[in-house]
C-alpha atoms as a PDB file:
ATOM      1  CA  MET A   1      -7.325 -45.723 -58.988  1.00  0.00           C
ATOM      2  CA  ASN A   2      -8.729 -48.258 -56.436  1.00  0.00           C
ATOM      3  CA  SER A   3     -12.268 -48.355 -56.672  1.00  0.00           C
ATOM      4  CA  LYS A   4     -13.077 -51.297 -54.627  1.00  0.00           C
ATOM      5  CA  ARG A   5     -16.132 -50.586 -52.358  1.00  0.00           C
ATOM      6  CA  GLN A   6     -15.676 -51.555 -48.919  1.00  0.00           C
ATOM      7  CA  PHE A   7     -18.791 -53.256 -47.202  1.00  0.00           C
ATOM      8  CA  THR A   8     -19.091 -53.192 -43.368  1.00  0.00           C
ATOM      9  CA  SER A   9     -21.277 -56.379 -43.600  1.00  0.00           C
ATOM     10  CA  THR A  10     -18.570 -58.190 -44.583  1.00  0.00           C
ATOM     11  CA  LYS A  11     -15.401 -56.651 -43.083  1.00  0.00           C
ATOM     12  CA  ALA A  12     -13.657 -58.351 -40.263  1.00  0.00           C
ATOM     13  CA  GLY A  13     -16.387 -58.297 -37.291  1.00  0.00           C
ATOM     14  CA  GLY A  14     -19.335 -57.325 -39.655  1.00  0.00           C
ATOM     15  CA  LEU A  15     -22.009 -55.440 -37.596  1.00  0.00           C
ATOM     16  CA  ASP A  16     -21.778 -54.164 -34.321  1.00  0.00           C
ATOM     17  CA  PHE A  17     -24.761 -55.817 -32.735  1.00  0.00           C
ATOM     18  CA  ASP A  18     -24.034 -53.955 -29.198  1.00  0.00           C
ATOM     19  CA  SER A  19     -24.021 -50.491 -30.711  1.00  0.00           C
ATOM     20  CA  GLN A  20     -26.915 -47.960 -29.524  1.00  0.00           C
ATOM     21  CA  PRO A  21     -28.256 -48.050 -33.214  1.00  0.00           C
ATOM     22  CA  MET A  22     -28.611 -51.578 -33.850  1.00  0.00           C
ATOM     23  CA  LYS A  23     -29.945 -52.116 -30.252  1.00  0.00           C
ATOM     24  CA  LEU A  24     -32.728 -49.226 -31.458  1.00  0.00           C
ATOM     25  CA  TRP A  25     -32.844 -51.455 -34.735  1.00  0.00           C
ATOM     26  CA  GLN A  26     -34.078 -54.468 -32.926  1.00  0.00           C
ATOM     27  CA  LYS A  27     -36.754 -52.556 -30.671  1.00  0.00           C
ATOM     28  CA  ALA A  28     -38.015 -50.717 -33.833  1.00  0.00           C
ATOM     29  CA  LYS A  29     -38.515 -54.332 -35.712  1.00  0.00           C
ATOM     30  CA  LYS A  30     -40.606 -55.488 -32.493  1.00  0.00           C
ATOM     31  CA  LEU A  31     -42.287 -52.560 -30.901  1.00  0.00           C
ATOM     32  CA  GLY A  32     -42.732 -50.212 -34.314  1.00  0.00           C
ATOM     33  CA  VAL A  33     -44.461 -52.677 -36.724  1.00  0.00           C
ATOM     34  CA  TRP A  34     -48.349 -51.073 -36.037  1.00  0.00           C
ATOM     35  CA  ASP A  35     -50.360 -50.383 -38.692  1.00  0.00           C
ATOM     36  CA  PRO A  36     -52.794 -46.984 -38.589  1.00  0.00           C
ATOM     37  CA  ALA A  37     -55.033 -48.543 -40.864  1.00  0.00           C
ATOM     38  CA  ASP A  38     -55.822 -51.443 -37.904  1.00  0.00           C
ATOM     39  CA  ILE A  39     -56.887 -48.742 -35.164  1.00  0.00           C
ATOM     40  CA  ASP A  40     -60.534 -48.983 -34.562  1.00  0.00           C
ATOM     41  CA  PHE A  41     -62.039 -45.356 -34.331  1.00  0.00           C
ATOM     42  CA  SER A  42     -65.540 -46.271 -33.955  1.00  0.00           C
ATOM     43  CA  THR A  43     -65.957 -45.727 -30.290  1.00  0.00           C
ATOM     44  CA  ASP A  44     -64.066 -42.288 -30.968  1.00  0.00           C
ATOM     45  CA  ARG A  45     -66.518 -41.296 -33.168  1.00  0.00           C
ATOM     46  CA  GLU A  46     -68.945 -41.445 -30.622  1.00  0.00           C
ATOM     47  CA  HIS A  47     -67.283 -39.639 -28.208  1.00  0.00           C
ATOM     48  CA  TRP A  48     -66.813 -37.016 -30.656  1.00  0.00           C
ATOM     49  CA  GLU A  49     -70.058 -36.624 -31.455  1.00  0.00           C
ATOM     50  CA  GLY A  50     -70.819 -36.139 -27.631  1.00  0.00           C
ATOM     51  CA  PHE A  51     -68.123 -33.381 -27.057  1.00  0.00           C
ATOM     52  CA  ASP A  52     -69.427 -29.467 -26.835  1.00  0.00           C
ATOM     53  CA  GLU A  53     -67.591 -26.836 -29.279  1.00  0.00           C
ATOM     54  CA  LEU A  54     -64.637 -25.988 -27.189  1.00  0.00           C
ATOM     55  CA  GLU A  55     -63.771 -29.604 -26.422  1.00  0.00           C
ATOM     56  CA  ARG A  56     -63.697 -30.343 -30.452  1.00  0.00           C
ATOM     57  CA  GLU A  57     -61.869 -26.793 -31.234  1.00  0.00           C
ATOM     58  CA  VAL A  58     -59.070 -27.863 -28.491  1.00  0.00           C
ATOM     59  CA  LEU A  59     -58.725 -31.297 -29.963  1.00  0.00           C
ATOM     60  CA  LEU A  60     -58.547 -30.153 -33.520  1.00  0.00           C
ATOM     61  CA  HIS A  61     -56.033 -27.541 -32.168  1.00  0.00           C
ATOM     62  CA  LEU A  62     -53.470 -29.897 -30.668  1.00  0.00           C
ATOM     63  CA  SER A  63     -54.315 -32.535 -33.468  1.00  0.00           C
ATOM     64  CA  SER A  64     -53.030 -30.096 -36.105  1.00  0.00           C
ATOM     65  CA  MET A  65     -50.237 -29.412 -34.867  1.00  0.00           C
ATOM     66  CA  PHE A  66     -49.275 -32.721 -34.085  1.00  0.00           C
ATOM     67  CA  ILE A  67     -49.961 -33.725 -38.033  1.00  0.00           C
ATOM     68  CA  GLY A  68     -48.352 -30.658 -39.328  1.00  0.00           C
ATOM     69  CA  GLY A  69     -45.181 -31.564 -37.298  1.00  0.00           C
ATOM     70  CA  GLU A  70     -45.288 -35.095 -38.153  1.00  0.00           C
ATOM     71  CA  GLU A  71     -45.340 -34.261 -41.983  1.00  0.00           C
ATOM     72  CA  ALA A  72     -42.360 -31.796 -41.518  1.00  0.00           C
ATOM     73  CA  VAL A  73     -40.173 -34.261 -39.758  1.00  0.00           C
ATOM     74  CA  THR A  74     -40.994 -36.738 -42.312  1.00  0.00           C
ATOM     75  CA  LEU A  75     -40.034 -34.480 -44.910  1.00  0.00           C
ATOM     76  CA  ASP A  76     -36.962 -33.162 -43.671  1.00  0.00           C
ATOM     77  CA  LEU A  77     -35.084 -36.215 -41.960  1.00  0.00           C
ATOM     78  CA  LEU A  78     -33.499 -37.652 -45.342  1.00  0.00           C
ATOM     79  CA  PRO A  79     -30.586 -35.211 -45.326  1.00  0.00           C
ATOM     80  CA  LEU A  80     -29.637 -36.247 -42.412  1.00  0.00           C
ATOM     81  CA  ILE A  81     -29.822 -39.808 -43.468  1.00  0.00           C
ATOM     82  CA  GLY A  82     -28.047 -39.132 -46.074  1.00  0.00           C
ATOM     83  CA  VAL A  83     -25.105 -37.702 -44.525  1.00  0.00           C
ATOM     84  CA  ILE A  84     -25.089 -40.610 -42.309  1.00  0.00           C
ATOM     85  CA  ALA A  85     -24.706 -42.933 -45.211  1.00  0.00           C
ATOM     86  CA  GLN A  86     -22.215 -41.071 -47.038  1.00  0.00           C
ATOM     87  CA  GLU A  87     -19.985 -41.624 -43.718  1.00  0.00           C
ATOM     88  CA  GLY A  88     -20.636 -45.290 -44.010  1.00  0.00           C
ATOM     89  CA  ARG A  89     -22.400 -45.677 -40.738  1.00  0.00           C
ATOM     90  CA  LEU A  90     -24.446 -48.865 -41.755  1.00  0.00           C
ATOM     91  CA  GLU A  91     -25.594 -49.350 -38.340  1.00  0.00           C
ATOM     92  CA  GLU A  92     -27.004 -45.951 -38.081  1.00  0.00           C
ATOM     93  CA  GLU A  93     -28.269 -45.988 -41.539  1.00  0.00           C
ATOM     94  CA  MET A  94     -30.356 -49.333 -40.883  1.00  0.00           C
ATOM     95  CA  TYR A  95     -31.853 -47.882 -37.881  1.00  0.00           C
ATOM     96  CA  LEU A  96     -32.909 -44.460 -39.678  1.00  0.00           C
ATOM     97  CA  THR A  97     -34.720 -46.635 -42.097  1.00  0.00           C
ATOM     98  CA  SER A  98     -37.182 -47.348 -39.421  1.00  0.00           C
ATOM     99  CA  PHE A  99     -37.110 -43.761 -38.084  1.00  0.00           C
ATOM    100  CA  LEU A 100     -38.433 -42.343 -41.533  1.00  0.00           C
ATOM    101  CA  TRP A 101     -41.028 -45.178 -41.937  1.00  0.00           C
ATOM    102  CA  GLU A 102     -42.555 -44.287 -38.422  1.00  0.00           C
ATOM    103  CA  GLU A 103     -42.679 -40.658 -39.064  1.00  0.00           C
ATOM    104  CA  ALA A 104     -44.692 -41.553 -42.232  1.00  0.00           C
ATOM    105  CA  LYS A 105     -47.145 -43.606 -40.075  1.00  0.00           C
ATOM    106  CA  HIS A 106     -47.443 -40.837 -37.608  1.00  0.00           C
ATOM    107  CA  VAL A 107     -49.019 -38.530 -40.487  1.00  0.00           C
ATOM    108  CA  GLU A 108     -51.260 -40.992 -42.223  1.00  0.00           C
ATOM    109  CA  VAL A 109     -52.905 -42.158 -38.398  1.00  0.00           C
ATOM    110  CA  PHE A 110     -53.510 -38.378 -37.587  1.00  0.00           C
ATOM    111  CA  ARG A 111     -55.112 -37.951 -41.014  1.00  0.00           C
ATOM    112  CA  ARG A 112     -57.207 -40.898 -40.462  1.00  0.00           C
ATOM    113  CA  PHE A 113     -58.250 -39.261 -37.048  1.00  0.00           C
ATOM    114  CA  PHE A 114     -59.483 -36.046 -38.876  1.00  0.00           C
ATOM    115  CA  ASP A 115     -61.115 -37.827 -41.782  1.00  0.00           C
ATOM    116  CA  GLU A 116     -62.856 -40.638 -39.417  1.00  0.00           C
ATOM    117  CA  VAL A 117     -63.402 -39.208 -36.205  1.00  0.00           C
ATOM    118  CA  ALA A 118     -63.602 -35.158 -36.623  1.00  0.00           C
ATOM    119  CA  ARG A 119     -64.468 -35.435 -40.091  1.00  0.00           C
ATOM    120  CA  GLU A 120     -62.900 -32.387 -40.308  1.00  0.00           C
ATOM    121  CA  PHE A 121     -61.434 -31.406 -44.055  1.00  0.00           C
ATOM    122  CA  SER A 122     -60.981 -27.570 -43.486  1.00  0.00           C
ATOM    123  CA  ASP A 123     -57.370 -25.985 -43.668  1.00  0.00           C
ATOM    124  CA  LEU A 124     -56.499 -26.671 -40.057  1.00  0.00           C
ATOM    125  CA  THR A 125     -52.998 -24.392 -40.648  1.00  0.00           C
ATOM    126  CA  ARG A 126     -55.129 -21.671 -38.805  1.00  0.00           C
ATOM    127  CA  PHE A 127     -54.213 -23.344 -35.881  1.00  0.00           C
ATOM    128  CA  HIS A 128     -50.515 -22.635 -36.552  1.00  0.00           C
ATOM    129  CA  GLY A 129     -49.350 -19.565 -34.535  1.00  0.00           C
ATOM    130  CA  ASP A 130     -46.047 -17.532 -35.249  1.00  0.00           C
ATOM    131  CA  ASN A 131     -43.779 -19.899 -33.225  1.00  0.00           C
ATOM    132  CA  TYR A 132     -44.948 -22.980 -34.761  1.00  0.00           C
ATOM    133  CA  ARG A 133     -44.460 -21.484 -38.081  1.00  0.00           C
ATOM    134  CA  LEU A 134     -40.861 -20.294 -37.153  1.00  0.00           C
ATOM    135  CA  ILE A 135     -39.882 -23.616 -36.035  1.00  0.00           C
ATOM    136  CA  PHE A 136     -41.206 -25.897 -38.768  1.00  0.00           C
ATOM    137  CA  GLU A 137     -41.476 -23.831 -41.768  1.00  0.00           C
ATOM    138  CA  LYS A 138     -37.773 -22.421 -41.271  1.00  0.00           C
ATOM    139  CA  GLU A 139     -35.624 -23.435 -38.265  1.00  0.00           C
ATOM    140  CA  LEU A 140     -36.319 -27.564 -39.043  1.00  0.00           C
ATOM    141  CA  PRO A 141     -36.157 -27.337 -42.981  1.00  0.00           C
ATOM    142  CA  VAL A 142     -33.207 -24.923 -43.276  1.00  0.00           C
ATOM    143  CA  ALA A 143     -31.260 -26.935 -40.291  1.00  0.00           C
ATOM    144  CA  LEU A 144     -31.775 -29.999 -42.223  1.00  0.00           C
ATOM    145  CA  ASN A 145     -31.691 -29.248 -45.765  1.00  0.00           C
ATOM    146  CA  ARG A 146     -28.377 -27.527 -45.040  1.00  0.00           C
ATOM    147  CA  LEU A 147     -26.804 -31.142 -44.706  1.00  0.00           C
ATOM    148  CA  ARG A 148     -26.968 -31.580 -48.621  1.00  0.00           C
ATOM    149  CA  GLU A 149     -24.227 -28.999 -48.739  1.00  0.00           C
ATOM    150  CA  ASP A 150     -22.633 -28.840 -45.373  1.00  0.00           C
ATOM    151  CA  PRO A 151     -22.240 -32.223 -43.953  1.00  0.00           C
ATOM    152  CA  SER A 152     -20.014 -30.987 -41.141  1.00  0.00           C
ATOM    153  CA  PRO A 153     -19.934 -32.283 -37.652  1.00  0.00           C
ATOM    154  CA  VAL A 154     -21.040 -28.633 -36.665  1.00  0.00           C
ATOM    155  CA  ALA A 155     -24.251 -28.716 -39.185  1.00  0.00           C
ATOM    156  CA  GLN A 156     -24.760 -32.327 -38.096  1.00  0.00           C
ATOM    157  CA  ALA A 157     -25.225 -31.502 -34.004  1.00  0.00           C
ATOM    158  CA  GLN A 158     -27.573 -28.295 -35.279  1.00  0.00           C
ATOM    159  CA  ALA A 159     -29.475 -30.237 -37.444  1.00  0.00           C
ATOM    160  CA  SER A 160     -30.008 -33.011 -34.656  1.00  0.00           C
ATOM    161  CA  VAL A 161     -30.737 -30.609 -32.183  1.00  0.00           C
ATOM    162  CA  THR A 162     -33.332 -29.078 -34.076  1.00  0.00           C
ATOM    163  CA  TYR A 163     -35.146 -32.341 -35.175  1.00  0.00           C
ATOM    164  CA  ASN A 164     -34.374 -34.542 -31.721  1.00  0.00           C
ATOM    165  CA  MET A 165     -33.773 -32.292 -29.197  1.00  0.00           C
ATOM    166  CA  ILE A 166     -36.550 -29.666 -29.765  1.00  0.00           C
ATOM    167  CA  VAL A 167     -39.360 -30.790 -32.578  1.00  0.00           C
ATOM    168  CA  GLU A 168     -39.204 -34.378 -31.075  1.00  0.00           C
ATOM    169  CA  GLY A 169     -37.611 -33.983 -27.227  1.00  0.00           C
ATOM    170  CA  VAL A 170     -39.471 -30.547 -26.395  1.00  0.00           C
ATOM    171  CA  LEU A 171     -42.807 -30.519 -28.640  1.00  0.00           C
ATOM    172  CA  ALA A 172     -43.653 -34.183 -29.705  1.00  0.00           C
ATOM    173  CA  GLU A 173     -42.710 -35.858 -26.645  1.00  0.00           C
ATOM    174  CA  THR A 174     -44.465 -33.141 -24.425  1.00  0.00           C
ATOM    175  CA  GLY A 175     -47.503 -32.798 -26.814  1.00  0.00           C
ATOM    176  CA  TYR A 176     -48.179 -36.310 -26.682  1.00  0.00           C
ATOM    177  CA  HIS A 177     -47.639 -37.157 -23.043  1.00  0.00           C
ATOM    178  CA  GLY A 178     -50.110 -34.003 -21.942  1.00  0.00           C
ATOM    179  CA  TYR A 179     -52.522 -35.658 -25.147  1.00  0.00           C
ATOM    180  CA  PHE A 180     -52.741 -38.879 -23.735  1.00  0.00           C
ATOM    181  CA  GLU A 181     -52.835 -38.028 -20.139  1.00  0.00           C
ATOM    182  CA  MET A 182     -55.874 -35.832 -21.219  1.00  0.00           C
ATOM    183  CA  LEU A 183     -57.643 -38.741 -22.837  1.00  0.00           C
ATOM    184  CA  GLU A 184     -56.645 -41.167 -20.645  1.00  0.00           C
ATOM    185  CA  SER A 185     -57.999 -39.067 -17.095  1.00  0.00           C
ATOM    186  CA  ASN A 186     -61.408 -38.414 -19.025  1.00  0.00           C
ATOM    187  CA  ASP A 187     -61.598 -42.109 -20.385  1.00  0.00           C
ATOM    188  CA  VAL A 188     -62.393 -40.783 -23.826  1.00  0.00           C
ATOM    189  CA  MET A 189     -61.388 -41.959 -27.317  1.00  0.00           C
ATOM    190  CA  PRO A 190     -59.683 -45.317 -26.755  1.00  0.00           C
ATOM    191  CA  GLY A 191     -58.477 -45.679 -30.313  1.00  0.00           C
ATOM    192  CA  MET A 192     -56.543 -42.268 -30.082  1.00  0.00           C
ATOM    193  CA  ARG A 193     -55.168 -43.485 -26.769  1.00  0.00           C
ATOM    194  CA  LYS A 194     -53.956 -46.609 -28.654  1.00  0.00           C
ATOM    195  CA  VAL A 195     -52.339 -44.380 -31.374  1.00  0.00           C
ATOM    196  CA  VAL A 196     -50.610 -41.981 -28.948  1.00  0.00           C
ATOM    197  CA  GLY A 197     -49.335 -44.625 -26.984  1.00  0.00           C
ATOM    198  CA  LYS A 198     -47.774 -46.206 -29.763  1.00  0.00           C
ATOM    199  CA  LEU A 199     -46.510 -42.736 -31.285  1.00  0.00           C
ATOM    200  CA  LYS A 200     -44.777 -42.430 -27.343  1.00  0.00           C
ATOM    201  CA  GLN A 201     -42.956 -45.914 -28.035  1.00  0.00           C
ATOM    202  CA  ASP A 202     -41.784 -44.440 -31.479  1.00  0.00           C
ATOM    203  CA  GLU A 203     -40.640 -41.244 -30.203  1.00  0.00           C
ATOM    204  CA  SER A 204     -38.643 -42.420 -27.192  1.00  0.00           C
ATOM    205  CA  ARG A 205     -36.661 -44.592 -29.745  1.00  0.00           C
ATOM    206  CA  HIS A 206     -35.962 -41.494 -31.969  1.00  0.00           C
ATOM    207  CA  LEU A 207     -34.850 -39.435 -28.842  1.00  0.00           C
ATOM    208  CA  ALA A 208     -32.568 -42.115 -27.938  1.00  0.00           C
ATOM    209  CA  TYR A 209     -30.900 -42.079 -31.474  1.00  0.00           C
ATOM    210  CA  GLY A 210     -30.846 -38.323 -31.075  1.00  0.00           C
ATOM    211  CA  VAL A 211     -28.787 -38.274 -27.910  1.00  0.00           C
ATOM    212  CA  HIS A 212     -26.374 -40.936 -29.102  1.00  0.00           C
ATOM    213  CA  LEU A 213     -25.697 -39.001 -32.393  1.00  0.00           C
ATOM    214  CA  LEU A 214     -24.907 -35.864 -30.506  1.00  0.00           C
ATOM    215  CA  SER A 215     -22.957 -37.322 -27.899  1.00  0.00           C
ATOM    216  CA  ARG A 216     -20.774 -39.354 -30.694  1.00  0.00           C
ATOM    217  CA  LEU A 217     -20.161 -35.984 -32.469  1.00  0.00           C
ATOM    218  CA  VAL A 218     -19.220 -34.401 -29.158  1.00  0.00           C
ATOM    219  CA  ALA A 219     -16.910 -37.196 -28.335  1.00  0.00           C
ATOM    220  CA  GLU A 220     -15.323 -37.312 -31.876  1.00  0.00           C
ATOM    221  CA  HIS A 221     -15.212 -33.410 -32.447  1.00  0.00           C
ATOM    222  CA  GLY A 222     -15.040 -31.741 -29.215  1.00  0.00           C
ATOM    223  CA  GLU A 223     -15.746 -28.305 -27.981  1.00  0.00           C
ATOM    224  CA  GLU A 224     -16.541 -26.829 -31.152  1.00  0.00           C
ATOM    225  CA  VAL A 225     -19.304 -29.225 -31.795  1.00  0.00           C
ATOM    226  CA  TRP A 226     -20.512 -28.817 -28.025  1.00  0.00           C
ATOM    227  CA  GLU A 227     -20.896 -25.068 -28.364  1.00  0.00           C
ATOM    228  CA  ALA A 228     -22.915 -25.211 -31.771  1.00  0.00           C
ATOM    229  CA  ILE A 229     -25.214 -27.409 -29.551  1.00  0.00           C
ATOM    230  CA  ASP A 230     -25.266 -25.283 -26.660  1.00  0.00           C
ATOM    231  CA  ALA A 231     -26.096 -22.219 -28.877  1.00  0.00           C
ATOM    232  CA  ARG A 232     -28.692 -23.953 -30.934  1.00  0.00           C
ATOM    233  CA  MET A 233     -30.490 -25.161 -27.916  1.00  0.00           C
ATOM    234  CA  ASN A 234     -30.683 -21.950 -25.988  1.00  0.00           C
ATOM    235  CA  HIS A 235     -31.841 -20.386 -29.413  1.00  0.00           C
ATOM    236  CA  LEU A 236     -34.863 -22.757 -30.097  1.00  0.00           C
ATOM    237  CA  LEU A 237     -36.061 -23.690 -26.605  1.00  0.00           C
ATOM    238  CA  PRO A 238     -37.307 -20.190 -25.922  1.00  0.00           C
ATOM    239  CA  ILE A 239     -39.336 -20.478 -29.541  1.00  0.00           C
ATOM    240  CA  ALA A 240     -40.519 -24.151 -28.289  1.00  0.00           C
ATOM    241  CA  LEU A 241     -42.133 -23.006 -25.052  1.00  0.00           C
ATOM    242  CA  GLY A 242     -43.434 -20.583 -26.987  1.00  0.00           C
ATOM    243  CA  MET A 243     -45.719 -22.749 -28.924  1.00  0.00           C
ATOM    244  CA  VAL A 244     -47.057 -23.921 -25.628  1.00  0.00           C
ATOM    245  CA  ASP A 245     -47.906 -20.465 -24.894  1.00  0.00           C
ATOM    246  CA  GLU A 246     -49.545 -19.724 -28.084  1.00  0.00           C
ATOM    247  CA  VAL A 247     -51.938 -22.597 -27.406  1.00  0.00           C
ATOM    248  CA  PHE A 248     -53.049 -21.928 -24.301  1.00  0.00           C
ATOM    249  CA  ASP A 249     -53.354 -18.259 -24.359  1.00  0.00           C
ATOM    250  CA  GLN A 250     -55.975 -18.368 -27.004  1.00  0.00           C
ATOM    251  CA  TYR A 251     -58.704 -19.870 -24.643  1.00  0.00           C
ATOM    252  CA  GLU A 252     -60.118 -18.461 -21.426  1.00  0.00           C
ATOM    253  CA  GLU A 253     -60.894 -21.741 -20.092  1.00  0.00           C
ATOM    254  CA  LEU A 254     -59.400 -24.903 -21.125  1.00  0.00           C
ATOM    255  CA  PRO A 255     -61.545 -28.212 -20.919  1.00  0.00           C
ATOM    256  CA  PHE A 256     -60.377 -31.906 -19.967  1.00  0.00           C
ATOM    257  CA  GLY A 257     -58.425 -30.612 -17.168  1.00  0.00           C
ATOM    258  CA  LEU A 258     -55.618 -28.997 -19.348  1.00  0.00           C
ATOM    259  CA  GLN A 259     -53.175 -27.187 -17.345  1.00  0.00           C
ATOM    260  CA  LYS A 260     -50.221 -24.791 -19.097  1.00  0.00           C
ATOM    261  CA  GLU A 261     -48.014 -25.278 -16.312  1.00  0.00           C
ATOM    262  CA  THR A 262     -48.098 -29.192 -16.592  1.00  0.00           C
ATOM    263  CA  PHE A 263     -46.861 -28.899 -20.136  1.00  0.00           C
ATOM    264  CA  LEU A 264     -44.055 -26.509 -19.631  1.00  0.00           C
ATOM    265  CA  ASN A 265     -42.821 -28.396 -16.623  1.00  0.00           C
ATOM    266  CA  PHE A 266     -42.607 -31.581 -18.696  1.00  0.00           C
ATOM    267  CA  ALA A 267     -41.355 -29.977 -21.312  1.00  0.00           C
ATOM    268  CA  THR A 268     -38.146 -28.227 -18.937  1.00  0.00           C
ATOM    269  CA  SER A 269     -37.595 -31.408 -17.114  1.00  0.00           C
ATOM    270  CA  GLN A 270     -37.115 -33.612 -20.052  1.00  0.00           C
ATOM    271  CA  PHE A 271     -35.020 -31.354 -21.951  1.00  0.00           C
ATOM    272  CA  GLN A 272     -32.472 -30.751 -18.901  1.00  0.00           C
ATOM    273  CA  LYS A 273     -32.690 -34.651 -18.554  1.00  0.00           C
ATOM    274  CA  ARG A 274     -31.182 -35.065 -22.231  1.00  0.00           C
ATOM    275  CA  TYR A 275     -29.139 -31.836 -22.006  1.00  0.00           C
ATOM    276  CA  GLN A 276     -27.166 -33.366 -19.070  1.00  0.00           C
ATOM    277  CA  ARG A 277     -26.794 -36.548 -20.917  1.00  0.00           C
ATOM    278  CA  VAL A 278     -25.091 -34.958 -24.249  1.00  0.00           C
ATOM    279  CA  MET A 279     -23.137 -32.770 -21.460  1.00  0.00           C
ATOM    280  CA  GLN A 280     -21.737 -36.023 -20.303  1.00  0.00           C
ATOM    281  CA  ALA A 281     -19.716 -36.804 -23.637  1.00  0.00           C
ATOM    282  CA  ARG A 282     -18.247 -33.258 -23.515  1.00  0.00           C
ATOM    283  CA  THR A 283     -17.070 -34.192 -19.708  1.00  0.00           C
ATOM    284  CA  VAL A 284     -15.504 -37.457 -21.066  1.00  0.00           C
ATOM    285  CA  VAL A 285     -13.645 -35.485 -23.948  1.00  0.00           C
ATOM    286  CA  SER A 286     -12.374 -32.772 -21.524  1.00  0.00           C
ATOM    287  CA  GLY A 287     -11.351 -34.943 -18.912  1.00  0.00           C
END
């Protein structure tokens, strides 16, 4: 029995530095090296003390959704990394090591916000509605942990849609965009503005990998994978948009100039762009 192990880094040709995962790896090394402990929240604390009760409540609401989501994706990413490693896709696994590291830092920095700015130590799950819990307590962990037993291309595609296209592409990207614009337009909390700027950079790389992975799966495995992607998107998108309704419908008036339509329009626009990019891989296969 030949048990000789094959190493990508020593085989003819070595690493594919021109591949999308390796390009993302290079960006992660340059742009992803920031320390949550270095963020100066002193001015944010002063601003927090000047906010009224509604402003504080809405900031707590949004931030509680962010930190819960970041913890969930930190916990649930490992099965996908495992599948990629088992397939010997070293370039992708190298990038995914930074992916997980970044998600963990996102959890840390939001906890610093609650501890040092809001000084809030209560149970924040009171802000998590039915659609939020459905995504983060059921759909996400089930789809990702399924990969431990079923590493098939269809299962990988369903996991990536859930993680990358919906949780990151619809929820995180939309939330961080709106959160940053809210702080920027009101010229408040410079520490959190710096944080969200870093998070947006990190998430853009995560989303780029998700589009790469889904496009590769469609290109390699064809219509069965595309149908799984399409069905999963159509199943999860209404739940994700329902989370936006859950937030805004709780308040008769919203501070900081927040408008639900801005969030919904941004979310659907970004979703459609990435949907079209993945569908291009299907066109190439069928063509």
